[in-house]
Amino acid sequence: MISTERSEIVKGLSDPEKVWDVIIVGGGATGLGTALDAASRGYKTLLLEQIDFAKGTSSRSTKLAHGGVRYLAQGDIGLVIEALHERGLMLKNAAHLVKNESFIIPNYEWWGGIFYTIGLTLYDLLAGKLGFGRAKHISKKEVARRLPTIQQTGLYGGVVYHDGQFDDSRLAVNIAQTSLEQGATVLNYFKVVNLLKNEQGKVAGVVTTDTETGTTYTIKGKTVINATGVFADEILQMDKPGNKAMLRPSQGIHLVVDMSFMPADDALMIPKTSDGRVLFAVPWHDKLVIGTTDTPLTQHSLEPLALDEEIEFIMRTADQYLIKAPARKDVLSMFAGLRPLAAPQGGSEKTKEISRSHKIFVSDSGLITITGGKWTTYRKMAEDTVNKAIEVGKLVNKPVKTKDLPIHGSTTNVNRNNHLYVYGTDRDALLALVNENKAWGEKLDPRADYIAAEVIWAVRNEMARTLEDVLARRVRILFLDARMAIDVAPKVAALIAAELHRDATWEKDQVSTFIKLAQSYLLVDYPVPA
């Protein structure tokens, strides 16, 4: 296995005269995908992420690898075809994390069954050979059998269709590992603080600071790619101060509740809510994720907070469709994410009308910025971005390799009844850690199956550096049950501190910072034991 030891990876920056072919700023889905594409083609590739991989938008999705039924309704056929194709490649290349999920649309109008069956049959046909299964109409009785908590008053029947479901930040970490295996240098906790320019005013590299050590590096590159999502305007300001904002962030929130609110293998898709969006209730890691909203924002942050009206909207909509709707106290975790949408033109403020297709801009300085898009199309976005880098940096043109490149951990031998399935081919090596220390085989909490070895594995092999990295994006406890995350925080911090040789002060700071964060994922106060 290739080294993920931070000190070893940082050595790759030791030669100040080295000229990288591609420097990528931002370690979300798009940046990581771009690093993988560039490295697999044989380009000297460096990726720098200011916090942790997928810290922003890329860990806060609805967990769907989908073509976008809503985009079909809007007539954006091109985006749907592209996304359905990419969905098929995601399932093929990351089979341990992506699965075929059945969705049921309940019909409360007599014409709903015909209308949605026709529309979703087209959706399946657009997927071609990479289709997940045909849509079909089912009776009211069958809907009630498969979704036992659905509101049956006025129900005519339903339509079943298929789409993809996945674990977003786990996939991001695996893409980072695959990038390393392909020869890229990939680092989290490296903040780009400035752009280098040559005498002609063209971008020629970056200045970056290792936020753990405070060491600053000046790094030369033939191309620099801005893949920072909602933070793209900040890099554009470094390039040209006073630049007009290109992005308008839109916020989407999700509520995570117990499966008892909808004990089903199928997901629920509500095709038209009161604000004209779609809403999903999706089984995920033995919990139910309900979302999402689409709220235009004027500013952005690393930890976006849900607005009261967003929470009320989801609860009100759930109440219309489920016999028993969750109350605030029932919410195990609430997470909010920001979408980097192109700033609306012509005065339209409706973010749901702004195209979700990705856009690549090249500044006068040669800085390449990739924005928009969605998780499902990360690979295609990366391919297009690297093609643009080849053009801008006059790199030797090499063909794309990622269509058939398995992601680290990928295996078709997946047993989803064991929560360790997310580690794919790493599962046995993770379990072997228990031979080194028997205590690592113990559960982190009696209420769930997570074991201490997962924490050690995250630090040793998945570049986790903090308590939040582990509990939010490697072991997904924060997103699944924020109360449990608070309860296990001291134990997990102690395990990380021992691995990273951190002192008691670091440990204490980590716990207090994380608990404050975790409390913002809850809708009612959770007292922390002194």
Protein backbone atom coordinates (compact mmCIF):
# COMPACT_ATOMS: atom_id res chain seq x y z
CA MET A 1 0.00 0.00 0.00
CA ILE A 2 1.30 3.46 -0.94
CA SER A 3 2.32 5.68 1.99
CA THR A 4 -0.29 8.09 3.34
CA GLU A 5 2.14 9.26 6.04
CA ARG A 6 1.93 13.06 5.97
CA SER A 7 5.67 13.68 6.49
CA GLU A 8 6.41 11.40 3.52
CA ILE A 9 3.92 13.17 1.24
CA VAL A 10 5.19 16.64 2.27
CA LYS A 11 8.70 15.63 1.11
CA GLY A 12 7.29 15.93 -2.41
CA LEU A 13 7.33 19.72 -1.93
CA SER A 14 10.98 19.89 -0.85
CA ASP A 15 12.41 20.89 -4.26
CA PRO A 16 11.52 24.57 -4.87
CA GLU A 17 12.70 24.31 -8.49
CA LYS A 18 10.32 21.48 -9.38
CA VAL A 19 7.68 22.57 -11.89
CA TRP A 20 4.37 20.74 -11.56
CA ASP A 21 2.22 20.19 -14.64
CA VAL A 22 -1.00 20.68 -12.69
CA ILE A 23 -1.58 22.33 -9.29
CA ILE A 24 -5.13 21.93 -7.97
CA VAL A 25 -6.52 24.12 -5.21
CA GLY A 26 -9.42 22.44 -3.38
CA GLY A 27 -9.96 18.89 -2.18
CA GLY A 28 -13.66 18.30 -2.71
CA ALA A 29 -15.14 15.93 -5.28
CA THR A 30 -14.11 18.10 -8.24
CA GLY A 31 -10.55 18.80 -7.10
CA LEU A 32 -9.88 15.19 -6.11
CA GLY A 33 -11.38 13.93 -9.36
CA THR A 34 -9.14 16.34 -11.27
CA ALA A 35 -6.05 15.17 -9.35
CA LEU A 36 -6.91 11.56 -10.19
CA ASP A 37 -7.51 12.33 -13.86
CA ALA A 38 -4.27 14.32 -14.22
CA ALA A 39 -2.08 11.85 -12.30
CA SER A 40 -3.50 8.81 -14.10
CA ARG A 41 -2.62 10.44 -17.43
CA GLY A 42 0.97 10.83 -16.20
CA TYR A 43 1.06 14.56 -15.39
CA LYS A 44 3.04 15.78 -12.36
CA THR A 45 0.07 16.60 -10.12
CA LEU A 46 -0.27 18.42 -6.78
CA LEU A 47 -3.52 18.96 -4.86
CA LEU A 48 -3.76 21.31 -1.86
CA GLU A 49 -6.82 21.42 0.44
CA GLN A 50 -7.05 24.09 3.15
CA ILE A 51 -8.98 21.96 5.67
CA ASP A 52 -9.87 18.31 5.06
CA PHE A 53 -10.96 16.46 1.94
CA ALA A 54 -14.70 16.93 1.32
CA LYS A 55 -15.01 19.22 4.37
CA GLY A 56 -17.39 21.48 2.45
CA THR A 57 -20.15 20.63 0.00
CA SER A 58 -18.78 17.19 -0.92
CA SER A 59 -19.60 15.56 2.44
CA ARG A 60 -23.06 17.17 2.70
CA SER A 61 -24.94 15.78 -0.30
CA THR A 62 -28.24 13.87 -0.36
CA LYS A 63 -26.06 10.74 -0.88
CA LEU A 64 -27.47 10.19 -4.38
CA ALA A 65 -25.54 9.22 -7.50
CA HIS A 66 -28.26 10.25 -9.88
CA GLY A 67 -29.06 11.59 -13.30
CA GLY A 68 -31.38 14.21 -11.86
CA VAL A 69 -35.08 13.53 -12.41
CA ARG A 70 -35.72 17.23 -11.79
CA TYR A 71 -33.39 18.25 -14.64
CA LEU A 72 -35.38 15.95 -16.95
CA ALA A 73 -38.56 17.82 -15.96
CA GLN A 74 -36.73 21.10 -16.74
CA GLY A 75 -35.82 19.79 -20.17
CA ASP A 76 -32.04 19.67 -19.54
CA ILE A 77 -31.67 16.39 -21.44
CA GLY A 78 -27.93 16.81 -22.07
CA LEU A 79 -27.12 17.09 -18.36
CA VAL A 80 -29.33 14.08 -17.57
CA ILE A 81 -27.66 11.88 -20.21
CA GLU A 82 -24.19 12.87 -19.00
CA ALA A 83 -25.10 12.29 -15.34
CA LEU A 84 -26.75 8.90 -16.02
CA HIS A 85 -23.65 7.76 -17.90
CA GLU A 86 -21.40 8.90 -15.05
CA ARG A 87 -23.69 7.23 -12.50
CA GLY A 88 -23.06 3.94 -14.30
CA LEU A 89 -19.28 4.49 -14.21
CA MET A 90 -19.44 5.34 -10.48
CA LEU A 91 -21.19 2.04 -9.76
CA LYS A 92 -18.67 0.14 -11.88
CA ASN A 93 -15.53 1.84 -10.48
CA ALA A 94 -16.53 2.25 -6.80
CA ALA A 95 -18.82 -0.73 -6.31
CA HIS A 96 -18.19 -0.86 -2.54
CA LEU A 97 -19.69 2.62 -1.99
CA VAL A 98 -22.24 3.06 -4.78
CA LYS A 99 -25.38 0.94 -5.02
CA ASN A 100 -28.53 0.61 -7.07
CA GLU A 101 -31.41 2.01 -4.95
CA SER A 102 -35.12 1.74 -5.73
CA PHE A 103 -37.21 4.90 -5.30
CA ILE A 104 -40.99 5.10 -4.99
CA ILE A 105 -43.01 8.12 -6.10
CA PRO A 106 -46.44 7.95 -4.43
CA ASN A 107 -49.26 9.21 -6.67
CA TYR A 108 -52.01 11.27 -5.07
CA GLU A 109 -53.49 12.37 -8.44
CA TRP A 110 -55.20 9.83 -10.73
CA TRP A 111 -52.95 10.82 -13.65
CA GLY A 112 -49.71 10.56 -11.63
CA GLY A 113 -49.01 6.92 -12.39
CA ILE A 114 -49.15 7.38 -16.17
CA PHE A 115 -47.28 10.70 -16.13
CA TYR A 116 -44.36 9.53 -13.97
CA THR A 117 -44.12 6.07 -15.57
CA ILE A 118 -43.69 7.69 -19.01
CA GLY A 119 -41.20 10.28 -17.74
CA LEU A 120 -39.11 7.75 -15.81
CA THR A 121 -39.14 5.25 -18.67
CA LEU A 122 -37.48 8.01 -20.72
CA TYR A 123 -35.03 8.52 -17.81
CA ASP A 124 -34.08 4.81 -18.00
CA LEU A 125 -33.79 4.84 -21.79
CA LEU A 126 -31.40 7.81 -21.63
CA ALA A 127 -29.05 5.72 -19.46
CA GLY A 128 -28.61 3.19 -22.28
CA LYS A 129 -26.38 0.21 -21.43
CA LEU A 130 -25.60 1.73 -18.03
CA GLY A 131 -29.25 1.69 -16.89
CA PHE A 132 -30.13 0.61 -13.35
CA GLY A 133 -33.53 -0.96 -14.12
CA ARG A 134 -36.85 -0.01 -15.71
CA ALA A 135 -39.48 2.15 -14.05
CA LYS A 136 -42.87 0.53 -13.41
CA HIS A 137 -46.26 1.43 -12.00
CA ILE A 138 -47.33 -0.27 -8.73
CA SER A 139 -50.69 -0.44 -6.98
CA LYS A 140 -51.75 1.44 -3.86
CA LYS A 141 -51.54 -1.85 -1.95
CA GLU A 142 -47.95 -2.44 -3.11
CA VAL A 143 -46.92 1.13 -2.18
CA ALA A 144 -48.36 0.60 1.31
CA ARG A 145 -46.57 -2.75 1.64
CA ARG A 146 -43.19 -1.33 0.61
CA LEU A 147 -43.55 2.01 2.44
CA PRO A 148 -45.61 1.03 5.51
CA THR A 149 -45.63 4.55 7.01
CA ILE A 150 -46.82 6.34 3.86
CA GLN A 151 -50.01 8.45 4.05
CA GLN A 152 -52.65 6.31 2.33
CA THR A 153 -55.51 8.83 2.26
CA GLY A 154 -56.00 9.84 -1.38
CA LEU A 155 -53.22 7.50 -2.57
CA TYR A 156 -53.84 6.02 -6.05
CA GLY A 157 -50.65 4.01 -6.48
CA GLY A 158 -47.00 4.68 -7.18
CA VAL A 159 -44.08 4.45 -9.58
CA VAL A 160 -40.84 2.62 -8.79
CA TYR A 161 -37.65 3.73 -10.50
CA HIS A 162 -33.94 3.14 -9.89
CA ASP A 163 -31.07 5.48 -9.15
CA GLY A 164 -27.76 5.39 -7.30
CA GLN A 165 -26.98 5.90 -3.63
CA PHE A 166 -23.53 6.30 -2.10
CA ASP A 167 -21.36 7.55 0.77
CA ASP A 168 -19.94 10.88 -0.37
CA SER A 169 -16.97 11.65 1.89
CA ARG A 170 -15.89 7.99 1.99
CA LEU A 171 -15.70 8.12 -1.81
CA ALA A 172 -13.73 11.40 -1.62
CA VAL A 173 -11.16 9.79 0.69
CA ASN A 174 -10.88 6.77 -1.61
CA ILE A 175 -10.36 9.06 -4.63
CA ALA A 176 -7.57 10.82 -2.69
CA GLN A 177 -5.95 7.44 -2.02
CA THR A 178 -6.31 6.43 -5.69
CA SER A 179 -4.69 9.74 -6.72
CA LEU A 180 -1.70 8.98 -4.48
CA GLU A 181 -1.46 5.51 -6.01
CA GLN A 182 -1.42 7.10 -9.47
CA GLY A 183 1.51 9.32 -8.47
CA ALA A 184 -0.18 12.55 -7.37
CA THR A 185 0.89 14.50 -4.29
CA VAL A 186 -2.30 15.14 -2.30
CA LEU A 187 -2.34 17.14 0.95
CA ASN A 188 -4.99 18.36 3.35
CA TYR A 189 -4.44 21.25 5.79
CA PHE A 190 -2.44 23.17 3.18
CA LYS A 191 -3.89 26.62 2.55
CA VAL A 192 -3.08 28.48 -0.66
CA VAL A 193 -2.37 32.07 0.40
CA ASN A 194 -1.27 33.56 -2.92
CA LEU A 195 -0.73 32.94 -6.62
CA LEU A 196 2.67 33.22 -8.29
CA LYS A 197 2.82 35.15 -11.57
CA ASN A 198 5.54 35.51 -14.19
CA GLU A 199 6.68 38.73 -15.90
CA GLN A 200 3.85 38.43 -18.42
CA GLY A 201 1.29 38.34 -15.60
CA LYS A 202 0.49 34.68 -16.17
CA VAL A 203 -0.14 32.34 -13.22
CA ALA A 204 3.02 30.31 -12.61
CA GLY A 205 2.36 28.57 -9.30
CA VAL A 206 1.11 29.09 -5.75
CA VAL A 207 2.26 30.06 -2.28
CA THR A 208 0.89 27.65 0.32
CA THR A 209 1.13 27.24 4.08
CA ASP A 210 1.08 23.95 5.96
CA THR A 211 -1.42 24.92 8.65
CA GLU A 212 -0.09 22.23 11.02
CA THR A 213 3.53 23.45 11.06
CA GLY A 214 3.20 27.01 9.77
CA THR A 215 5.79 26.29 7.06
CA THR A 216 5.21 28.19 3.81
CA TYR A 217 6.15 26.80 0.39
CA THR A 218 6.52 28.55 -2.95
CA ILE A 219 5.54 26.06 -5.65
CA LYS A 220 5.91 26.41 -9.42
CA GLY A 221 3.35 25.04 -11.84
CA LYS A 222 2.51 25.11 -15.55
CA THR A 223 -1.19 25.31 -14.72
CA VAL A 224 -3.21 26.19 -11.60
CA ILE A 225 -6.78 24.93 -11.24
CA ASN A 226 -9.23 26.62 -8.89
CA ALA A 227 -11.56 23.82 -7.72
CA THR A 228 -12.61 25.39 -4.44
CA GLY A 229 -16.37 25.27 -4.94
CA VAL A 230 -18.16 28.02 -3.03
CA PHE A 231 -14.76 29.54 -2.19
CA ALA A 232 -13.79 29.97 -5.87
CA ASP A 233 -14.29 33.74 -5.74
CA GLU A 234 -11.60 34.03 -3.03
CA ILE A 235 -8.99 32.50 -5.36
CA LEU A 236 -10.27 34.70 -8.21
CA GLN A 237 -9.73 37.73 -5.95
CA MET A 238 -6.08 36.66 -5.45
CA ASP A 239 -5.80 36.54 -9.24
CA LYS A 240 -7.47 39.88 -9.87
CA PRO A 241 -8.53 41.95 -6.85
CA GLY A 242 -11.94 43.55 -7.37
CA ASN A 243 -13.19 40.73 -9.62
CA LYS A 244 -16.99 40.60 -9.82
CA ALA A 245 -18.36 37.61 -7.86
CA MET A 246 -18.98 34.67 -10.18
CA LEU A 247 -20.81 32.49 -7.70
CA ARG A 248 -24.06 32.63 -5.79
CA PRO A 249 -24.12 29.92 -3.13
CA SER A 250 -27.34 28.03 -2.54
CA GLN A 251 -27.91 26.09 0.69
CA GLY A 252 -29.44 22.66 1.05
CA ILE A 253 -30.14 21.05 4.43
CA HIS A 254 -30.83 17.46 5.44
CA LEU A 255 -32.41 15.94 8.53
CA VAL A 256 -31.31 12.47 9.66
CA VAL A 257 -33.82 10.44 11.67
CA ASP A 258 -34.34 6.88 12.86
CA MET A 259 -35.50 4.33 10.28
CA SER A 260 -38.70 3.77 12.30
CA PHE A 261 -40.16 6.84 10.56
CA MET A 262 -39.99 4.95 7.27
CA PRO A 263 -38.86 1.32 7.78
CA ALA A 264 -38.22 0.40 4.16
CA ASP A 265 -35.55 -0.74 1.73
CA ASP A 266 -36.96 1.68 -0.85
CA ALA A 267 -36.38 5.43 -0.85
CA LEU A 268 -39.24 7.93 -1.12
CA MET A 269 -39.21 10.62 -3.78
CA ILE A 270 -41.70 13.48 -3.54
CA PRO A 271 -41.75 14.96 -7.05
CA LYS A 272 -43.21 18.37 -6.33
CA THR A 273 -43.12 20.13 -2.98
CA SER A 274 -44.76 23.45 -2.11
CA ASP A 275 -41.67 25.31 -3.38
CA GLY A 276 -41.52 23.33 -6.62
CA ARG A 277 -38.52 21.17 -5.66
CA VAL A 278 -38.23 17.44 -5.18
CA LEU A 279 -37.72 15.99 -1.69
CA PHE A 280 -36.14 12.64 -0.86
CA ALA A 281 -36.27 10.32 2.14
CA VAL A 282 -33.38 7.90 1.60
CA PRO A 283 -32.20 4.97 3.75
CA TRP A 284 -28.49 5.49 4.50
CA HIS A 285 -26.36 3.51 6.97
CA ASP A 286 -29.48 2.28 8.83
CA LYS A 287 -30.82 5.83 9.20
CA LEU A 288 -33.17 7.94 7.08
CA VAL A 289 -31.88 11.09 5.35
CA ILE A 290 -34.62 13.59 4.46
CA GLY A 291 -33.83 16.53 2.20
CA THR A 292 -33.13 18.87 0.65
CA THR A 293 -33.85 22.60 0.41
CA ASP A 294 -32.62 25.24 -2.02
CA THR A 295 -32.08 28.56 -0.28
CA PRO A 296 -30.13 31.39 -1.97
CA LEU A 297 -27.44 32.87 0.31
CA THR A 298 -25.40 36.03 0.04
CA GLN A 299 -22.42 34.67 1.98
CA HIS A 300 -20.83 31.31 2.70
CA SER A 301 -18.98 29.58 5.52
CA LEU A 302 -17.20 26.31 6.26
CA GLU A 303 -20.02 25.32 8.64
CA PRO A 304 -23.31 26.56 7.18
CA LEU A 305 -26.27 26.61 9.56
CA ALA A 306 -29.84 25.64 8.77
CA LEU A 307 -32.45 28.37 8.74
CA ASP A 308 -35.59 27.76 10.79
CA GLU A 309 -37.77 27.99 7.69
CA GLU A 310 -35.72 25.23 6.01
CA ILE A 311 -36.18 22.89 8.98
CA GLU A 312 -39.91 23.69 9.11
CA PHE A 313 -40.26 23.13 5.35
CA ILE A 314 -38.76 19.62 5.53
CA MET A 315 -40.82 18.68 8.60
CA ARG A 316 -44.02 20.08 7.10
CA THR A 317 -43.45 18.20 3.84
CA ALA A 318 -42.60 14.95 5.68
CA ASP A 319 -45.80 15.38 7.69
CA GLN A 320 -47.84 15.47 4.46
CA TYR A 321 -46.47 12.14 3.26
CA LEU A 322 -45.63 10.10 6.36
CA ILE A 323 -48.11 8.85 8.98
CA LYS A 324 -45.77 9.96 11.75
CA ALA A 325 -43.54 12.91 10.98
CA PRO A 326 -40.36 13.52 12.98
CA ALA A 327 -40.32 16.33 15.55
CA ARG A 328 -37.22 18.40 16.38
CA LYS A 329 -36.27 16.08 19.25
CA ASP A 330 -36.28 13.12 16.82
CA VAL A 331 -33.59 14.60 14.58
CA LEU A 332 -30.37 12.65 15.13
CA SER A 333 -28.33 14.99 12.97
CA MET A 334 -28.92 18.01 10.76
CA PHE A 335 -26.34 18.97 8.17
CA ALA A 336 -26.26 21.86 5.74
CA GLY A 337 -24.25 22.14 2.54
CA LEU A 338 -23.64 24.87 -0.02
CA ARG A 339 -23.86 24.48 -3.78
CA PRO A 340 -21.53 26.63 -5.88
CA LEU A 341 -23.92 27.94 -8.53
CA ALA A 342 -22.99 30.42 -11.23
CA ALA A 343 -24.30 33.87 -10.21
CA PRO A 344 -27.72 34.35 -11.83
CA GLN A 345 -27.88 36.42 -14.99
CA GLY A 346 -30.78 38.63 -16.03
CA GLY A 347 -32.02 39.17 -12.49
CA SER A 348 -33.40 35.67 -11.78
CA GLU A 349 -32.99 34.83 -8.11
CA LYS A 350 -34.44 31.30 -8.27
CA THR A 351 -31.48 29.01 -7.65
CA LYS A 352 -33.42 25.96 -8.77
CA GLU A 353 -33.55 27.54 -12.25
CA ILE A 354 -29.78 28.01 -12.49
CA SER A 355 -28.21 25.25 -14.55
CA ARG A 356 -26.40 22.57 -12.53
CA SER A 357 -24.09 21.80 -15.45
CA HIS A 358 -20.44 22.61 -14.79
CA LYS A 359 -18.57 25.54 -16.28
CA ILE A 360 -14.85 26.06 -16.83
CA PHE A 361 -13.47 29.61 -17.00
CA VAL A 362 -9.92 30.66 -17.90
CA SER A 363 -8.84 34.05 -16.54
CA ASP A 364 -6.57 36.40 -18.50
CA SER A 365 -3.75 35.14 -16.28
CA GLY A 366 -4.39 31.53 -17.29
CA LEU A 367 -5.97 30.55 -13.96
CA ILE A 368 -8.47 27.75 -14.65
CA THR A 369 -11.67 27.77 -12.55
CA ILE A 370 -14.15 24.89 -12.52
CA THR A 371 -17.57 25.54 -10.94
CA GLY A 372 -21.04 24.05 -10.73
CA GLY A 373 -21.81 20.43 -11.47
CA LYS A 374 -22.78 17.71 -9.04
CA TRP A 375 -21.13 14.76 -7.27
CA THR A 376 -22.36 12.29 -9.87
CA THR A 377 -20.50 14.05 -12.69
CA TYR A 378 -17.23 14.58 -10.77
CA ARG A 379 -15.26 12.33 -13.16
CA LYS A 380 -16.47 14.09 -16.33
CA MET A 381 -15.88 17.50 -14.76
CA ALA A 382 -12.33 16.41 -13.97
CA GLU A 383 -11.77 15.12 -17.52
CA ASP A 384 -12.96 18.41 -19.03
CA THR A 385 -10.82 20.41 -16.58
CA VAL A 386 -7.65 18.45 -17.34
CA ASN A 387 -8.35 18.80 -21.08
CA LYS A 388 -8.50 22.56 -20.53
CA ALA A 389 -5.24 22.44 -18.53
CA ILE A 390 -3.54 20.60 -21.42
CA GLU A 391 -4.59 23.45 -23.71
CA VAL A 392 -3.68 26.30 -21.32
CA GLY A 393 -0.38 24.80 -20.09
CA LYS A 394 0.61 23.41 -23.50
CA LEU A 395 1.05 19.99 -21.93
CA VAL A 396 1.64 16.88 -24.03
CA ASN A 397 -1.85 15.59 -24.80
CA LYS A 398 -2.47 12.19 -23.18
CA PRO A 399 -5.75 10.25 -23.26
CA VAL A 400 -8.11 10.06 -20.29
CA LYS A 401 -7.82 6.89 -18.15
CA THR A 402 -10.52 7.27 -15.49
CA LYS A 403 -13.49 5.69 -17.31
CA ASP A 404 -12.21 2.23 -16.45
CA LEU A 405 -10.02 3.01 -13.43
CA PRO A 406 -11.21 1.29 -10.22
CA ILE A 407 -11.31 3.54 -7.16
CA HIS A 408 -9.29 2.41 -4.11
CA GLY A 409 -11.27 -0.22 -2.19
CA SER A 410 -13.63 -1.10 -5.02
CA THR A 411 -15.03 -4.63 -4.89
CA THR A 412 -18.26 -6.24 -6.03
CA ASN A 413 -18.14 -8.56 -3.02
CA VAL A 414 -20.15 -6.28 -0.73
CA ASN A 415 -22.01 -7.39 2.38
CA ARG A 416 -24.05 -4.37 3.43
CA ASN A 417 -25.17 -6.09 6.63
CA ASN A 418 -21.70 -5.44 8.05
CA HIS A 419 -20.98 -1.72 8.43
CA LEU A 420 -17.31 -2.29 7.50
CA TYR A 421 -18.38 -2.82 3.87
CA VAL A 422 -17.48 0.84 3.19
CA TYR A 423 -13.79 -0.08 3.43
CA GLY A 424 -14.08 -2.46 0.48
CA THR A 425 -10.83 -4.32 -0.13
CA ASP A 426 -9.26 -2.60 2.92
CA ARG A 427 -11.63 -4.35 5.34
CA ASP A 428 -9.35 -7.29 6.19
CA ALA A 429 -6.30 -5.06 6.70
CA LEU A 430 -8.36 -2.84 9.01
CA LEU A 431 -9.50 -5.84 11.06
CA ALA A 432 -5.87 -7.06 11.23
CA LEU A 433 -5.08 -3.99 13.37
CA VAL A 434 -6.80 -5.82 16.23
CA ASN A 435 -3.86 -8.26 16.22
CA GLU A 436 -1.61 -5.32 17.06
CA ASN A 437 -3.82 -4.15 19.92
CA LYS A 438 -6.81 -6.19 21.18
CA ALA A 439 -8.46 -3.03 22.57
CA TRP A 440 -8.88 -1.73 19.02
CA GLY A 441 -11.46 -4.44 18.43
CA GLU A 442 -13.77 -2.87 21.03
CA LYS A 443 -16.84 -0.84 20.11
CA LEU A 444 -16.63 2.94 20.38
CA ASP A 445 -20.17 2.94 21.79
CA PRO A 446 -22.50 0.08 22.81
CA ARG A 447 -25.29 1.51 20.61
CA ALA A 448 -23.45 0.93 17.32
CA ASP A 449 -20.91 -1.36 15.66
CA TYR A 450 -18.08 1.14 15.06
CA ILE A 451 -14.77 -0.12 16.48
CA ALA A 452 -11.61 1.63 17.64
CA ALA A 453 -9.61 0.09 14.77
CA GLU A 454 -11.54 2.34 12.36
CA VAL A 455 -10.09 5.40 14.09
CA ILE A 456 -6.54 4.03 13.87
CA TRP A 457 -7.11 3.12 10.21
CA ALA A 458 -8.41 6.64 9.42
CA VAL A 459 -5.26 8.22 10.89
CA ARG A 460 -2.76 5.75 9.41
CA ASN A 461 -4.25 5.20 5.97
CA GLU A 462 -6.86 7.87 5.25
CA MET A 463 -5.00 11.09 6.14
CA ALA A 464 -7.33 12.03 9.02
CA ARG A 465 -5.68 14.69 11.22
CA THR A 466 -8.40 15.79 13.66
CA LEU A 467 -11.31 14.49 15.70
CA GLU A 468 -13.73 16.06 13.22
CA ASP A 469 -11.97 14.42 10.24
CA VAL A 470 -12.60 11.02 11.83
CA LEU A 471 -16.12 11.44 13.23
CA ALA A 472 -17.52 13.53 10.36
CA ARG A 473 -15.89 12.22 7.19
CA ARG A 474 -14.16 8.84 7.84
CA VAL A 475 -16.50 7.20 10.38
CA ARG A 476 -19.75 9.05 9.66
CA ILE A 477 -21.08 9.22 13.24
CA LEU A 478 -21.52 13.02 13.30
CA PHE A 479 -23.79 12.88 10.24
CA LEU A 480 -25.75 9.90 11.54
CA ASP A 481 -26.13 10.60 15.25
CA ALA A 482 -24.63 13.81 16.64
CA ARG A 483 -25.43 12.83 20.26
CA MET A 484 -23.43 9.63 19.89
CA ALA A 485 -20.62 11.65 18.27
CA ILE A 486 -20.51 13.88 21.36
CA ASP A 487 -20.47 10.85 23.67
CA VAL A 488 -17.58 9.09 21.87
CA ALA A 489 -15.51 12.24 21.26
CA PRO A 490 -13.18 11.90 24.29
CA LYS A 491 -12.42 8.23 23.56
CA VAL A 492 -11.76 8.90 19.86
CA ALA A 493 -9.61 11.96 20.60
CA ALA A 494 -7.44 9.84 22.92
CA LEU A 495 -6.93 7.25 20.17
CA ILE A 496 -5.96 9.93 17.63
CA ALA A 497 -3.65 11.71 20.08
CA ALA A 498 -1.77 8.48 20.78
CA GLU A 499 -1.36 7.80 17.03
CA LEU A 500 -0.24 11.34 16.16
CA HIS A 501 1.84 11.83 19.36
CA ARG A 502 -0.24 14.81 20.49
CA ASP A 503 -0.32 16.07 24.07
CA ALA A 504 -3.21 16.35 26.53
CA THR A 505 -3.81 20.02 25.62
CA TRP A 506 -4.34 19.12 21.96
CA GLU A 507 -6.69 16.33 23.00
CA LYS A 508 -8.74 18.61 25.24
CA ASP A 509 -8.95 21.34 22.57
CA GLN A 510 -10.07 18.81 19.98
CA VAL A 511 -12.87 17.53 22.20
CA SER A 512 -14.19 20.97 23.15
CA THR A 513 -14.06 22.26 19.54
CA PHE A 514 -15.76 19.14 18.21
CA ILE A 515 -18.54 19.10 20.82
CA LYS A 516 -19.38 22.72 20.01
CA LEU A 517 -19.59 21.74 16.32
CA ALA A 518 -21.66 18.61 16.99
CA GLN A 519 -24.20 20.58 19.03
CA SER A 520 -24.90 22.69 15.92
CA TYR A 521 -26.01 19.46 14.19
CA LEU A 522 -28.83 19.04 16.74
CA LEU A 523 -32.15 20.86 16.91
CA VAL A 524 -32.57 20.48 20.67
CA ASP A 525 -29.91 20.99 23.35
CA TYR A 526 -27.89 17.96 24.39
CA PRO A 527 -26.25 18.44 27.78
CA VAL A 528 -22.59 17.41 27.79
CA PRO A 529 -21.34 15.61 30.89
CA ALA A 530 -18.78 17.71 32.77
